[in-house]
């Protein structure tokens, strides 16, 4: 049987470049070299080589995060080149990357989200007015981006301006939302026509981390990730249904992972990742492993879904 030629994209130009490179290394190691000829590309410097090689490429694995990788730009290029790729296309990628657009579509689909406001760089902010409207604490984050970069939890009006400045370092628009203290969970789905929900993962940030921030995400041992989540059957089913509904609302394809907060018996949808972390210990691969799908088998499935 002829090997498939797979383009593996990692690196890129976003603030999540190093995470992407490390993920790319682990994906490369896990791919079955008996099945695939794997060619690696860094879109930051090797777009021309990718374009030149396009006629020989059977499918592409996009292991990029943030702008210029997860926002539809690379997906559009691959569409022009006629190269199939795993996951969501241009429209869904752009919608999921923009947290405001995503929230509007969640609400349209009847999914509960924390109360929020959006602010552009040229707008003046009134910390007292925002606190009166949304309450305290607050979550402040860039509208676009991932890995919790530029995100802060604000407990007083005095610190709100500093958190806003940090978020504006990453984007021209920011999101301020009510902080909901609860259990962090994430639900993954996989499939094309009728995506199936995987087991729900519970995320327990380590001491000194109020939320699943960049350090907690990528420092080994800082965060406990439990799958299946320690919640009852009804809440598990609701979380899985929310993950499927979010996937559909944002026009996602192939696979996605939706982050949520559980407080009492209420679940709030936070955001959807169209290219979730893809190392053997990342959240979606953990959910897949709990369902009996190895990391290598998961990559095989994503390649099959992209070609189909």
Foldseek 3Di string as FASTA:
>chain_A
DDAAEEEEEAQEDAPCRVLRVVLSVQLVVLADVVRYDYDYDYVVPCPVVCLVCLVRHAAYEQSYFFPPGQQQNVLVVCVVSVHFYFKFHNQLSNQQQQQVSLVVLCVVLVAAAFDKDKDFQPDDDDLVVVCVVANDFKWKAARGGDQQQLIDTRGDSVCPVVSNVSRVVRHRMMMIGHDDDAWKKKWKWFDFPQTFIFAIKTKAAAPPDSDCHNCSQPPPPRMDIDPNDPDDPVLRVVNRVSNRSSCVSSRMGGMKMWMWGQDDSGIHTRGIGRNFRQHCPGDVVVRVVVVVAHSNNSVVSSRVRRND
